[in-house]
Amino acid sequence: MKKLFIIILGALILSLLCTACSALDVVQNDAVRAFGDVLSAHPAEYKNGWHQLTSPDGSGKLLYDNGSIWLAIDASPFIAAGLEASEIANISETVFYNKALEYSLPGWDMLNQNVKDGAFAQFEANAGHIRKNIAYHAAMDHYNIDFGGAMFEWAKDMKTNGYDGSDQDKDIVFVLNPEPLIAAGADPENVDGWTYAQVPVMQDDKEALVYKFLKAFNLQ
Protein backbone atom coordinates (compact mmCIF):
# COMPACT_ATOMS: atom_id res chain seq x y z
CA MET A 1 0.00 0.00 0.00
CA LYS A 2 2.83 2.34 0.93
CA LYS A 3 4.63 1.53 -2.33
CA LEU A 4 1.46 2.29 -4.33
CA PHE A 5 1.09 5.62 -2.52
CA ILE A 6 4.69 6.56 -3.39
CA ILE A 7 4.13 5.69 -7.06
CA ILE A 8 0.92 7.76 -7.22
CA LEU A 9 2.60 10.68 -5.42
CA GLY A 10 5.56 10.53 -7.79
CA ALA A 11 3.28 10.55 -10.84
CA LEU A 12 1.38 13.53 -9.44
CA ILE A 13 4.58 15.50 -8.80
CA LEU A 14 5.85 14.71 -12.31
CA SER A 15 2.55 15.86 -13.79
CA LEU A 16 2.70 19.13 -11.84
CA LEU A 17 6.32 19.71 -12.90
CA CYS A 18 5.44 19.16 -16.57
CA THR A 19 2.52 21.56 -16.27
CA ALA A 20 4.74 24.17 -14.64
CA CYS A 21 7.43 23.78 -17.32
CA SER A 22 4.81 24.21 -20.06
CA ALA A 23 3.46 27.34 -18.38
CA LEU A 24 6.98 28.80 -18.26
CA ASP A 25 7.81 27.96 -21.89
CA VAL A 26 7.70 31.44 -23.40
CA VAL A 27 8.48 30.35 -26.96
CA GLN A 28 5.82 27.64 -27.04
CA ASN A 29 3.16 29.80 -25.42
CA ASP A 30 3.80 32.86 -27.58
CA ALA A 31 4.12 30.74 -30.73
CA VAL A 32 0.65 29.35 -30.01
CA ARG A 33 -0.69 32.85 -29.35
CA ALA A 34 0.78 34.11 -32.64
CA PHE A 35 -0.61 31.11 -34.52
CA GLY A 36 -4.02 32.06 -33.18
CA ASP A 37 -3.59 35.51 -34.72
CA VAL A 38 -2.87 33.87 -38.07
CA LEU A 39 -5.99 31.73 -37.79
CA SER A 40 -8.06 34.81 -36.96
CA ALA A 41 -6.85 36.52 -40.13
CA HIS A 42 -6.94 33.40 -42.31
CA PRO A 43 -9.09 30.61 -40.80
CA ALA A 44 -8.23 26.96 -41.25
CA GLU A 45 -10.70 24.57 -42.83
CA TYR A 46 -11.68 21.26 -41.27
CA LYS A 47 -11.81 18.67 -44.03
CA ASN A 48 -11.42 14.88 -44.16
CA GLY A 49 -10.46 14.76 -40.50
CA TRP A 50 -7.73 17.41 -40.77
CA HIS A 51 -7.45 21.04 -39.80
CA GLN A 52 -6.00 22.59 -42.97
CA LEU A 53 -4.37 26.01 -43.06
CA THR A 54 -4.07 26.65 -46.79
CA SER A 55 -2.11 29.44 -48.46
CA PRO A 56 -4.20 32.05 -50.28
CA ASP A 57 -3.16 30.65 -53.66
CA GLY A 58 -3.69 27.01 -52.61
CA SER A 59 -0.07 26.02 -53.23
CA GLY A 60 0.77 25.00 -49.67
CA LYS A 61 -1.03 23.50 -46.70
CA LEU A 62 -0.29 22.89 -43.05
CA LEU A 63 -2.44 19.95 -41.94
CA TYR A 64 -2.90 18.52 -38.46
CA ASP A 65 -5.20 16.36 -36.38
CA ASN A 66 -4.84 15.13 -32.80
CA GLY A 67 -1.90 12.86 -33.54
CA SER A 68 0.10 14.20 -36.48
CA ILE A 69 1.13 17.30 -38.40
CA TRP A 70 2.49 17.70 -41.93
CA LEU A 71 3.01 19.99 -44.91
CA ALA A 72 1.68 19.42 -48.42
CA ILE A 73 3.19 21.51 -51.22
CA ASP A 74 1.95 21.70 -54.81
CA ALA A 75 4.66 19.92 -56.82
CA SER A 76 3.62 21.19 -60.25
CA PRO A 77 5.97 24.23 -60.45
CA PHE A 78 8.90 22.04 -59.41
CA ILE A 79 7.97 19.38 -61.97
CA ALA A 80 7.70 22.11 -64.62
CA ALA A 81 11.23 23.18 -63.62
CA GLY A 82 12.58 19.67 -64.24
CA LEU A 83 11.85 17.76 -61.04
CA GLU A 84 11.63 14.00 -61.58
CA ALA A 85 9.17 13.29 -58.80
CA SER A 86 9.74 9.53 -58.94
CA GLU A 87 13.40 10.10 -57.99
CA ILE A 88 12.68 11.83 -54.70
CA ALA A 89 12.24 8.60 -52.74
CA ASN A 90 15.74 7.51 -53.82
CA ILE A 91 17.33 10.81 -52.77
CA SER A 92 15.80 11.97 -49.50
CA GLU A 93 14.06 10.63 -46.40
CA THR A 94 12.67 14.06 -45.46
CA VAL A 95 10.39 14.67 -48.44
CA PHE A 96 7.93 12.32 -50.13
CA TYR A 97 5.89 12.63 -53.29
CA ASN A 98 2.25 11.63 -53.30
CA LYS A 99 0.68 14.00 -55.84
CA ALA A 100 2.25 16.71 -53.68
CA LEU A 101 5.56 17.24 -51.89
CA GLU A 102 4.94 16.04 -48.33
CA TYR A 103 6.91 16.72 -45.17
CA SER A 104 5.84 15.32 -41.80
CA LEU A 105 6.83 14.88 -38.17
CA PRO A 106 6.58 11.54 -36.36
CA GLY A 107 3.07 11.05 -35.02
CA TRP A 108 2.25 10.82 -31.34
CA ASP A 109 -0.15 8.56 -29.47
CA MET A 110 -3.67 9.61 -30.49
CA LEU A 111 -5.15 7.55 -27.63
CA ASN A 112 -3.56 9.91 -25.11
CA GLN A 113 -4.39 13.08 -27.01
CA ASN A 114 -8.04 14.13 -27.04
CA VAL A 115 -9.63 15.69 -30.09
CA LYS A 116 -10.20 19.40 -29.48
CA ASP A 117 -12.91 21.60 -30.92
CA GLY A 118 -11.51 24.09 -33.41
CA ALA A 119 -8.22 24.59 -35.20
CA PHE A 120 -6.68 26.79 -32.51
CA ALA A 121 -7.52 24.52 -29.59
CA GLN A 122 -6.14 21.49 -31.44
CA PHE A 123 -2.90 23.30 -32.35
CA GLU A 124 -2.52 24.46 -28.75
CA ALA A 125 -2.95 20.86 -27.55
CA ASN A 126 -0.48 19.60 -30.17
CA ALA A 127 2.23 22.15 -29.37
CA GLY A 128 3.64 20.24 -26.42
CA HIS A 129 4.05 17.12 -28.55
CA ILE A 130 6.08 18.96 -31.20
CA ARG A 131 7.85 21.42 -28.88
CA LYS A 132 11.36 20.37 -29.94
CA ASN A 133 10.46 21.31 -33.51
CA ILE A 134 9.13 24.78 -32.65
CA ALA A 135 11.64 27.64 -32.72
CA TYR A 136 11.95 31.39 -33.06
CA HIS A 137 13.59 32.89 -36.18
CA ALA A 138 14.84 36.29 -35.04
CA ALA A 139 15.80 37.78 -38.42
CA MET A 140 12.23 37.35 -39.69
CA ASP A 141 10.57 37.79 -36.27
CA HIS A 142 8.81 34.50 -36.97
CA TYR A 143 8.04 31.28 -35.17
CA ASN A 144 8.43 28.07 -37.12
CA ILE A 145 7.89 24.34 -37.15
CA ASP A 146 10.90 22.44 -38.50
CA PHE A 147 9.90 19.35 -40.49
CA GLY A 148 13.49 18.40 -41.30
CA GLY A 149 13.33 19.10 -45.04
CA ALA A 150 10.99 22.06 -44.76
CA MET A 151 9.65 24.65 -42.34
CA PHE A 152 6.39 26.45 -41.85
CA GLU A 153 6.83 29.95 -40.42
CA TRP A 154 4.36 32.47 -39.06
CA ALA A 155 4.77 36.04 -37.84
CA LYS A 156 5.15 36.81 -34.17
CA ASP A 157 3.38 40.10 -34.90
CA MET A 158 1.43 40.40 -38.15
CA LYS A 159 1.82 44.20 -38.21
CA THR A 160 5.44 44.88 -37.32
CA ASN A 161 8.71 42.98 -37.63
CA GLY A 162 10.04 43.37 -34.10
CA TYR A 163 13.59 42.60 -35.26
CA ASP A 164 14.03 45.74 -37.37
CA GLY A 165 10.78 47.68 -36.92
CA SER A 166 9.71 47.26 -40.55
CA ASP A 167 6.21 46.41 -41.73
CA GLN A 168 5.56 42.68 -41.43
CA ASP A 169 4.45 41.62 -44.90
CA LYS A 170 5.36 37.93 -44.53
CA ASP A 171 2.64 36.61 -42.25
CA ILE A 172 3.21 32.97 -43.22
CA VAL A 173 6.10 31.45 -45.13
CA PHE A 174 6.66 28.00 -46.60
CA VAL A 175 10.39 27.13 -46.60
CA LEU A 176 11.83 24.13 -48.45
CA ASN A 177 15.35 22.72 -48.40
CA PRO A 178 16.45 22.85 -52.04
CA GLU A 179 19.07 20.09 -52.08
CA PRO A 180 16.84 17.01 -52.63
CA LEU A 181 14.66 18.84 -55.15
CA ILE A 182 17.68 20.02 -57.13
CA ALA A 183 19.21 16.53 -56.95
CA ALA A 184 15.94 15.20 -58.42
CA GLY A 185 16.25 17.55 -61.38
CA ALA A 186 14.59 20.85 -60.43
CA ASP A 187 16.23 24.00 -61.79
CA PRO A 188 16.15 26.29 -58.72
CA GLU A 189 16.09 29.47 -60.76
CA ASN A 190 13.02 28.45 -62.74
CA VAL A 191 10.48 27.31 -60.13
CA ASP A 192 7.49 29.51 -60.79
CA GLY A 193 6.09 31.28 -57.74
CA TRP A 194 8.99 30.38 -55.45
CA THR A 195 12.00 32.48 -54.47
CA TYR A 196 15.37 30.75 -54.39
CA ALA A 197 17.51 32.81 -52.04
CA GLN A 198 19.95 32.78 -49.15
CA VAL A 199 18.46 33.23 -45.69
CA PRO A 200 20.17 33.64 -42.31
CA VAL A 201 20.00 30.58 -40.04
CA MET A 202 21.81 29.52 -36.89
CA GLN A 203 24.38 26.76 -37.38
CA ASP A 204 26.68 25.70 -34.55
CA ASP A 205 25.61 28.79 -32.59
CA LYS A 206 26.68 31.04 -35.47
CA GLU A 207 24.60 32.81 -38.10
CA ALA A 208 25.12 31.46 -41.61
CA LEU A 209 23.52 32.09 -44.99
CA VAL A 210 21.98 29.07 -46.69
CA TYR A 211 19.85 28.67 -49.81
CA LYS A 212 16.15 27.89 -49.43
CA PHE A 213 13.03 27.85 -51.55
CA LEU A 214 10.67 30.46 -50.07
CA LYS A 215 7.04 31.33 -50.58
CA ALA A 216 5.60 34.06 -48.38
CA PHE A 217 2.09 35.44 -47.99
CA ASN A 218 0.68 38.62 -46.49
CA LEU A 219 -2.68 37.72 -44.96
CA GLN A 220 -3.83 41.26 -44.14
C-alpha atoms as a PDB file:
ATOM      1  CA  MET A   1       0.000   0.000   0.000  1.00  0.00           C
ATOM      2  CA  LYS A   2       2.831   2.337   0.931  1.00  0.00           C
ATOM      3  CA  LYS A   3       4.632   1.534  -2.333  1.00  0.00           C
ATOM      4  CA  LEU A   4       1.464   2.294  -4.332  1.00  0.00           C
ATOM      5  CA  PHE A   5       1.088   5.624  -2.515  1.00  0.00           C
ATOM      6  CA  ILE A   6       4.691   6.561  -3.395  1.00  0.00           C
ATOM      7  CA  ILE A   7       4.129   5.688  -7.065  1.00  0.00           C
ATOM      8  CA  ILE A   8       0.922   7.762  -7.220  1.00  0.00           C
ATOM      9  CA  LEU A   9       2.597  10.682  -5.420  1.00  0.00           C
ATOM     10  CA  GLY A  10       5.562  10.530  -7.793  1.00  0.00           C
ATOM     11  CA  ALA A  11       3.282  10.545 -10.839  1.00  0.00           C
ATOM     12  CA  LEU A  12       1.380  13.534  -9.438  1.00  0.00           C
ATOM     13  CA  ILE A  13       4.580  15.496  -8.804  1.00  0.00           C
ATOM     14  CA  LEU A  14       5.852  14.709 -12.312  1.00  0.00           C
ATOM     15  CA  SER A  15       2.554  15.862 -13.795  1.00  0.00           C
ATOM     16  CA  LEU A  16       2.702  19.131 -11.839  1.00  0.00           C
ATOM     17  CA  LEU A  17       6.317  19.713 -12.903  1.00  0.00           C
ATOM     18  CA  CYS A  18       5.445  19.158 -16.566  1.00  0.00           C
ATOM     19  CA  THR A  19       2.519  21.561 -16.271  1.00  0.00           C
ATOM     20  CA  ALA A  20       4.735  24.172 -14.638  1.00  0.00           C
ATOM     21  CA  CYS A  21       7.429  23.782 -17.321  1.00  0.00           C
ATOM     22  CA  SER A  22       4.814  24.208 -20.056  1.00  0.00           C
ATOM     23  CA  ALA A  23       3.459  27.337 -18.378  1.00  0.00           C
ATOM     24  CA  LEU A  24       6.985  28.804 -18.264  1.00  0.00           C
ATOM     25  CA  ASP A  25       7.805  27.962 -21.887  1.00  0.00           C
ATOM     26  CA  VAL A  26       7.698  31.441 -23.397  1.00  0.00           C
ATOM     27  CA  VAL A  27       8.479  30.354 -26.955  1.00  0.00           C
ATOM     28  CA  GLN A  28       5.820  27.640 -27.039  1.00  0.00           C
ATOM     29  CA  ASN A  29       3.164  29.802 -25.417  1.00  0.00           C
ATOM     30  CA  ASP A  30       3.801  32.861 -27.581  1.00  0.00           C
ATOM     31  CA  ALA A  31       4.116  30.743 -30.731  1.00  0.00           C
ATOM     32  CA  VAL A  32       0.649  29.345 -30.006  1.00  0.00           C
ATOM     33  CA  ARG A  33      -0.692  32.848 -29.346  1.00  0.00           C
ATOM     34  CA  ALA A  34       0.778  34.112 -32.641  1.00  0.00           C
ATOM     35  CA  PHE A  35      -0.607  31.106 -34.516  1.00  0.00           C
ATOM     36  CA  GLY A  36      -4.018  32.056 -33.178  1.00  0.00           C
ATOM     37  CA  ASP A  37      -3.592  35.509 -34.716  1.00  0.00           C
ATOM     38  CA  VAL A  38      -2.875  33.874 -38.070  1.00  0.00           C
ATOM     39  CA  LEU A  39      -5.994  31.734 -37.786  1.00  0.00           C
ATOM     40  CA  SER A  40      -8.063  34.813 -36.963  1.00  0.00           C
ATOM     41  CA  ALA A  41      -6.847  36.515 -40.132  1.00  0.00           C
ATOM     42  CA  HIS A  42      -6.945  33.404 -42.307  1.00  0.00           C
ATOM     43  CA  PRO A  43      -9.095  30.614 -40.800  1.00  0.00           C
ATOM     44  CA  ALA A  44      -8.233  26.964 -41.246  1.00  0.00           C
ATOM     45  CA  GLU A  45     -10.699  24.571 -42.834  1.00  0.00           C
ATOM     46  CA  TYR A  46     -11.682  21.256 -41.272  1.00  0.00           C
ATOM     47  CA  LYS A  47     -11.812  18.667 -44.027  1.00  0.00           C
ATOM     48  CA  ASN A  48     -11.418  14.880 -44.164  1.00  0.00           C
ATOM     49  CA  GLY A  49     -10.459  14.762 -40.498  1.00  0.00           C
ATOM     50  CA  TRP A  50      -7.732  17.414 -40.773  1.00  0.00           C
ATOM     51  CA  HIS A  51      -7.449  21.042 -39.799  1.00  0.00           C
ATOM     52  CA  GLN A  52      -6.005  22.589 -42.966  1.00  0.00           C
ATOM     53  CA  LEU A  53      -4.369  26.008 -43.065  1.00  0.00           C
ATOM     54  CA  THR A  54      -4.074  26.654 -46.792  1.00  0.00           C
ATOM     55  CA  SER A  55      -2.106  29.437 -48.459  1.00  0.00           C
ATOM     56  CA  PRO A  56      -4.198  32.053 -50.277  1.00  0.00           C
ATOM     57  CA  ASP A  57      -3.157  30.645 -53.664  1.00  0.00           C
ATOM     58  CA  GLY A  58      -3.692  27.013 -52.613  1.00  0.00           C
ATOM     59  CA  SER A  59      -0.069  26.016 -53.234  1.00  0.00           C
ATOM     60  CA  GLY A  60       0.774  25.001 -49.672  1.00  0.00           C
ATOM     61  CA  LYS A  61      -1.032  23.498 -46.700  1.00  0.00           C
ATOM     62  CA  LEU A  62      -0.290  22.893 -43.052  1.00  0.00           C
ATOM     63  CA  LEU A  63      -2.440  19.953 -41.941  1.00  0.00           C
ATOM     64  CA  TYR A  64      -2.895  18.519 -38.463  1.00  0.00           C
ATOM     65  CA  ASP A  65      -5.200  16.364 -36.377  1.00  0.00           C
ATOM     66  CA  ASN A  66      -4.842  15.134 -32.795  1.00  0.00           C
ATOM     67  CA  GLY A  67      -1.904  12.856 -33.545  1.00  0.00           C
ATOM     68  CA  SER A  68       0.096  14.196 -36.484  1.00  0.00           C
ATOM     69  CA  ILE A  69       1.132  17.298 -38.401  1.00  0.00           C
ATOM     70  CA  TRP A  70       2.494  17.703 -41.927  1.00  0.00           C
ATOM     71  CA  LEU A  71       3.007  19.994 -44.908  1.00  0.00           C
ATOM     72  CA  ALA A  72       1.680  19.419 -48.424  1.00  0.00           C
ATOM     73  CA  ILE A  73       3.194  21.507 -51.223  1.00  0.00           C
ATOM     74  CA  ASP A  74       1.953  21.696 -54.809  1.00  0.00           C
ATOM     75  CA  ALA A  75       4.661  19.924 -56.821  1.00  0.00           C
ATOM     76  CA  SER A  76       3.619  21.187 -60.252  1.00  0.00           C
ATOM     77  CA  PRO A  77       5.969  24.227 -60.452  1.00  0.00           C
ATOM     78  CA  PHE A  78       8.900  22.042 -59.413  1.00  0.00           C
ATOM     79  CA  ILE A  79       7.968  19.384 -61.975  1.00  0.00           C
ATOM     80  CA  ALA A  80       7.702  22.113 -64.624  1.00  0.00           C
ATOM     81  CA  ALA A  81      11.230  23.178 -63.624  1.00  0.00           C
ATOM     82  CA  GLY A  82      12.582  19.672 -64.238  1.00  0.00           C
ATOM     83  CA  LEU A  83      11.852  17.763 -61.044  1.00  0.00           C
ATOM     84  CA  GLU A  84      11.631  14.002 -61.584  1.00  0.00           C
ATOM     85  CA  ALA A  85       9.166  13.286 -58.795  1.00  0.00           C
ATOM     86  CA  SER A  86       9.743   9.530 -58.939  1.00  0.00           C
ATOM     87  CA  GLU A  87      13.400  10.100 -57.994  1.00  0.00           C
ATOM     88  CA  ILE A  88      12.678  11.835 -54.698  1.00  0.00           C
ATOM     89  CA  ALA A  89      12.244   8.604 -52.744  1.00  0.00           C
ATOM     90  CA  ASN A  90      15.737   7.513 -53.816  1.00  0.00           C
ATOM     91  CA  ILE A  91      17.330  10.810 -52.767  1.00  0.00           C
ATOM     92  CA  SER A  92      15.803  11.967 -49.496  1.00  0.00           C
ATOM     93  CA  GLU A  93      14.064  10.633 -46.401  1.00  0.00           C
ATOM     94  CA  THR A  94      12.667  14.059 -45.461  1.00  0.00           C
ATOM     95  CA  VAL A  95      10.387  14.670 -48.443  1.00  0.00           C
ATOM     96  CA  PHE A  96       7.926  12.324 -50.128  1.00  0.00           C
ATOM     97  CA  TYR A  97       5.891  12.633 -53.289  1.00  0.00           C
ATOM     98  CA  ASN A  98       2.245  11.626 -53.303  1.00  0.00           C
ATOM     99  CA  LYS A  99       0.682  14.001 -55.844  1.00  0.00           C
ATOM    100  CA  ALA A 100       2.254  16.709 -53.683  1.00  0.00           C
ATOM    101  CA  LEU A 101       5.563  17.236 -51.886  1.00  0.00           C
ATOM    102  CA  GLU A 102       4.940  16.037 -48.326  1.00  0.00           C
ATOM    103  CA  TYR A 103       6.907  16.718 -45.165  1.00  0.00           C
ATOM    104  CA  SER A 104       5.843  15.321 -41.800  1.00  0.00           C
ATOM    105  CA  LEU A 105       6.833  14.877 -38.174  1.00  0.00           C
ATOM    106  CA  PRO A 106       6.579  11.537 -36.357  1.00  0.00           C
ATOM    107  CA  GLY A 107       3.074  11.052 -35.022  1.00  0.00           C
ATOM    108  CA  TRP A 108       2.251  10.821 -31.343  1.00  0.00           C
ATOM    109  CA  ASP A 109      -0.150   8.558 -29.467  1.00  0.00           C
ATOM    110  CA  MET A 110      -3.670   9.612 -30.490  1.00  0.00           C
ATOM    111  CA  LEU A 111      -5.151   7.553 -27.628  1.00  0.00           C
ATOM    112  CA  ASN A 112      -3.564   9.913 -25.108  1.00  0.00           C
ATOM    113  CA  GLN A 113      -4.387  13.078 -27.015  1.00  0.00           C
ATOM    114  CA  ASN A 114      -8.037  14.127 -27.036  1.00  0.00           C
ATOM    115  CA  VAL A 115      -9.628  15.690 -30.090  1.00  0.00           C
ATOM    116  CA  LYS A 116     -10.198  19.396 -29.480  1.00  0.00           C
ATOM    117  CA  ASP A 117     -12.910  21.601 -30.918  1.00  0.00           C
ATOM    118  CA  GLY A 118     -11.512  24.089 -33.412  1.00  0.00           C
ATOM    119  CA  ALA A 119      -8.218  24.593 -35.204  1.00  0.00           C
ATOM    120  CA  PHE A 120      -6.677  26.786 -32.512  1.00  0.00           C
ATOM    121  CA  ALA A 121      -7.522  24.516 -29.586  1.00  0.00           C
ATOM    122  CA  GLN A 122      -6.136  21.491 -31.445  1.00  0.00           C
ATOM    123  CA  PHE A 123      -2.905  23.300 -32.354  1.00  0.00           C
ATOM    124  CA  GLU A 124      -2.518  24.455 -28.748  1.00  0.00           C
ATOM    125  CA  ALA A 125      -2.955  20.860 -27.553  1.00  0.00           C
ATOM    126  CA  ASN A 126      -0.478  19.601 -30.168  1.00  0.00           C
ATOM    127  CA  ALA A 127       2.232  22.154 -29.374  1.00  0.00           C
ATOM    128  CA  GLY A 128       3.639  20.241 -26.418  1.00  0.00           C
ATOM    129  CA  HIS A 129       4.046  17.122 -28.547  1.00  0.00           C
ATOM    130  CA  ILE A 130       6.082  18.963 -31.196  1.00  0.00           C
ATOM    131  CA  ARG A 131       7.853  21.421 -28.882  1.00  0.00           C
ATOM    132  CA  LYS A 132      11.359  20.371 -29.935  1.00  0.00           C
ATOM    133  CA  ASN A 133      10.457  21.310 -33.507  1.00  0.00           C
ATOM    134  CA  ILE A 134       9.127  24.779 -32.646  1.00  0.00           C
ATOM    135  CA  ALA A 135      11.636  27.641 -32.716  1.00  0.00           C
ATOM    136  CA  TYR A 136      11.950  31.393 -33.064  1.00  0.00           C
ATOM    137  CA  HIS A 137      13.594  32.888 -36.182  1.00  0.00           C
ATOM    138  CA  ALA A 138      14.842  36.291 -35.043  1.00  0.00           C
ATOM    139  CA  ALA A 139      15.797  37.782 -38.422  1.00  0.00           C
ATOM    140  CA  MET A 140      12.230  37.348 -39.686  1.00  0.00           C
ATOM    141  CA  ASP A 141      10.571  37.787 -36.272  1.00  0.00           C
ATOM    142  CA  HIS A 142       8.806  34.496 -36.966  1.00  0.00           C
ATOM    143  CA  TYR A 143       8.040  31.285 -35.168  1.00  0.00           C
ATOM    144  CA  ASN A 144       8.429  28.067 -37.123  1.00  0.00           C
ATOM    145  CA  ILE A 145       7.891  24.335 -37.152  1.00  0.00           C
ATOM    146  CA  ASP A 146      10.902  22.442 -38.504  1.00  0.00           C
ATOM    147  CA  PHE A 147       9.900  19.346 -40.487  1.00  0.00           C
ATOM    148  CA  GLY A 148      13.491  18.396 -41.299  1.00  0.00           C
ATOM    149  CA  GLY A 149      13.329  19.098 -45.037  1.00  0.00           C
ATOM    150  CA  ALA A 150      10.990  22.062 -44.760  1.00  0.00           C
ATOM    151  CA  MET A 151       9.651  24.648 -42.345  1.00  0.00           C
ATOM    152  CA  PHE A 152       6.386  26.452 -41.848  1.00  0.00           C
ATOM    153  CA  GLU A 153       6.830  29.946 -40.421  1.00  0.00           C
ATOM    154  CA  TRP A 154       4.365  32.474 -39.055  1.00  0.00           C
ATOM    155  CA  ALA A 155       4.772  36.040 -37.845  1.00  0.00           C
ATOM    156  CA  LYS A 156       5.149  36.814 -34.172  1.00  0.00           C
ATOM    157  CA  ASP A 157       3.379  40.098 -34.898  1.00  0.00           C
ATOM    158  CA  MET A 158       1.428  40.400 -38.155  1.00  0.00           C
ATOM    159  CA  LYS A 159       1.816  44.198 -38.212  1.00  0.00           C
ATOM    160  CA  THR A 160       5.442  44.876 -37.325  1.00  0.00           C
ATOM    161  CA  ASN A 161       8.712  42.981 -37.631  1.00  0.00           C
ATOM    162  CA  GLY A 162      10.040  43.368 -34.096  1.00  0.00           C
ATOM    163  CA  TYR A 163      13.586  42.604 -35.262  1.00  0.00           C
ATOM    164  CA  ASP A 164      14.026  45.736 -37.375  1.00  0.00           C
ATOM    165  CA  GLY A 165      10.784  47.679 -36.920  1.00  0.00           C
ATOM    166  CA  SER A 166       9.707  47.257 -40.552  1.00  0.00           C
ATOM    167  CA  ASP A 167       6.207  46.412 -41.726  1.00  0.00           C
ATOM    168  CA  GLN A 168       5.563  42.683 -41.425  1.00  0.00           C
ATOM    169  CA  ASP A 169       4.454  41.621 -44.899  1.00  0.00           C
ATOM    170  CA  LYS A 170       5.358  37.934 -44.531  1.00  0.00           C
ATOM    171  CA  ASP A 171       2.643  36.605 -42.248  1.00  0.00           C
ATOM    172  CA  ILE A 172       3.205  32.969 -43.224  1.00  0.00           C
ATOM    173  CA  VAL A 173       6.103  31.448 -45.132  1.00  0.00           C
ATOM    174  CA  PHE A 174       6.662  28.001 -46.596  1.00  0.00           C
ATOM    175  CA  VAL A 175      10.388  27.129 -46.599  1.00  0.00           C
ATOM    176  CA  LEU A 176      11.831  24.130 -48.446  1.00  0.00           C
ATOM    177  CA  ASN A 177      15.346  22.720 -48.404  1.00  0.00           C
ATOM    178  CA  PRO A 178      16.445  22.853 -52.045  1.00  0.00           C
ATOM    179  CA  GLU A 179      19.065  20.094 -52.085  1.00  0.00           C
ATOM    180  CA  PRO A 180      16.842  17.013 -52.632  1.00  0.00           C
ATOM    181  CA  LEU A 181      14.663  18.842 -55.151  1.00  0.00           C
ATOM    182  CA  ILE A 182      17.678  20.016 -57.130  1.00  0.00           C
ATOM    183  CA  ALA A 183      19.209  16.535 -56.949  1.00  0.00           C
ATOM    184  CA  ALA A 184      15.944  15.197 -58.415  1.00  0.00           C
ATOM    185  CA  GLY A 185      16.253  17.547 -61.375  1.00  0.00           C
ATOM    186  CA  ALA A 186      14.585  20.853 -60.429  1.00  0.00           C
ATOM    187  CA  ASP A 187      16.235  24.001 -61.792  1.00  0.00           C
ATOM    188  CA  PRO A 188      16.147  26.289 -58.724  1.00  0.00           C
ATOM    189  CA  GLU A 189      16.089  29.472 -60.760  1.00  0.00           C
ATOM    190  CA  ASN A 190      13.019  28.447 -62.743  1.00  0.00           C
ATOM    191  CA  VAL A 191      10.482  27.309 -60.125  1.00  0.00           C
ATOM    192  CA  ASP A 192       7.488  29.514 -60.788  1.00  0.00           C
ATOM    193  CA  GLY A 193       6.091  31.281 -57.737  1.00  0.00           C
ATOM    194  CA  TRP A 194       8.988  30.379 -55.452  1.00  0.00           C
ATOM    195  CA  THR A 195      12.000  32.477 -54.470  1.00  0.00           C
ATOM    196  CA  TYR A 196      15.374  30.747 -54.387  1.00  0.00           C
ATOM    197  CA  ALA A 197      17.506  32.813 -52.035  1.00  0.00           C
ATOM    198  CA  GLN A 198      19.947  32.778 -49.149  1.00  0.00           C
ATOM    199  CA  VAL A 199      18.458  33.229 -45.695  1.00  0.00           C
ATOM    200  CA  PRO A 200      20.165  33.635 -42.308  1.00  0.00           C
ATOM    201  CA  VAL A 201      19.996  30.579 -40.044  1.00  0.00           C
ATOM    202  CA  MET A 202      21.814  29.519 -36.894  1.00  0.00           C
ATOM    203  CA  GLN A 203      24.384  26.764 -37.384  1.00  0.00           C
ATOM    204  CA  ASP A 204      26.677  25.696 -34.546  1.00  0.00           C
ATOM    205  CA  ASP A 205      25.614  28.793 -32.592  1.00  0.00           C
ATOM    206  CA  LYS A 206      26.678  31.040 -35.469  1.00  0.00           C
ATOM    207  CA  GLU A 207      24.601  32.811 -38.103  1.00  0.00           C
ATOM    208  CA  ALA A 208      25.122  31.459 -41.608  1.00  0.00           C
ATOM    209  CA  LEU A 209      23.525  32.090 -44.994  1.00  0.00           C
ATOM    210  CA  VAL A 210      21.975  29.065 -46.690  1.00  0.00           C
ATOM    211  CA  TYR A 211      19.851  28.670 -49.813  1.00  0.00           C
ATOM    212  CA  LYS A 212      16.152  27.889 -49.432  1.00  0.00           C
ATOM    213  CA  PHE A 213      13.028  27.853 -51.549  1.00  0.00           C
ATOM    214  CA  LEU A 214      10.674  30.463 -50.065  1.00  0.00           C
ATOM    215  CA  LYS A 215       7.037  31.325 -50.584  1.00  0.00           C
ATOM    216  CA  ALA A 216       5.600  34.063 -48.376  1.00  0.00           C
ATOM    217  CA  PHE A 217       2.094  35.441 -47.985  1.00  0.00           C
ATOM    218  CA  ASN A 218       0.680  38.616 -46.488  1.00  0.00           C
ATOM    219  CA  LEU A 219      -2.679  37.718 -44.960  1.00  0.00           C
ATOM    220  CA  GLN A 220      -3.829  41.259 -44.137  1.00  0.00           C
END
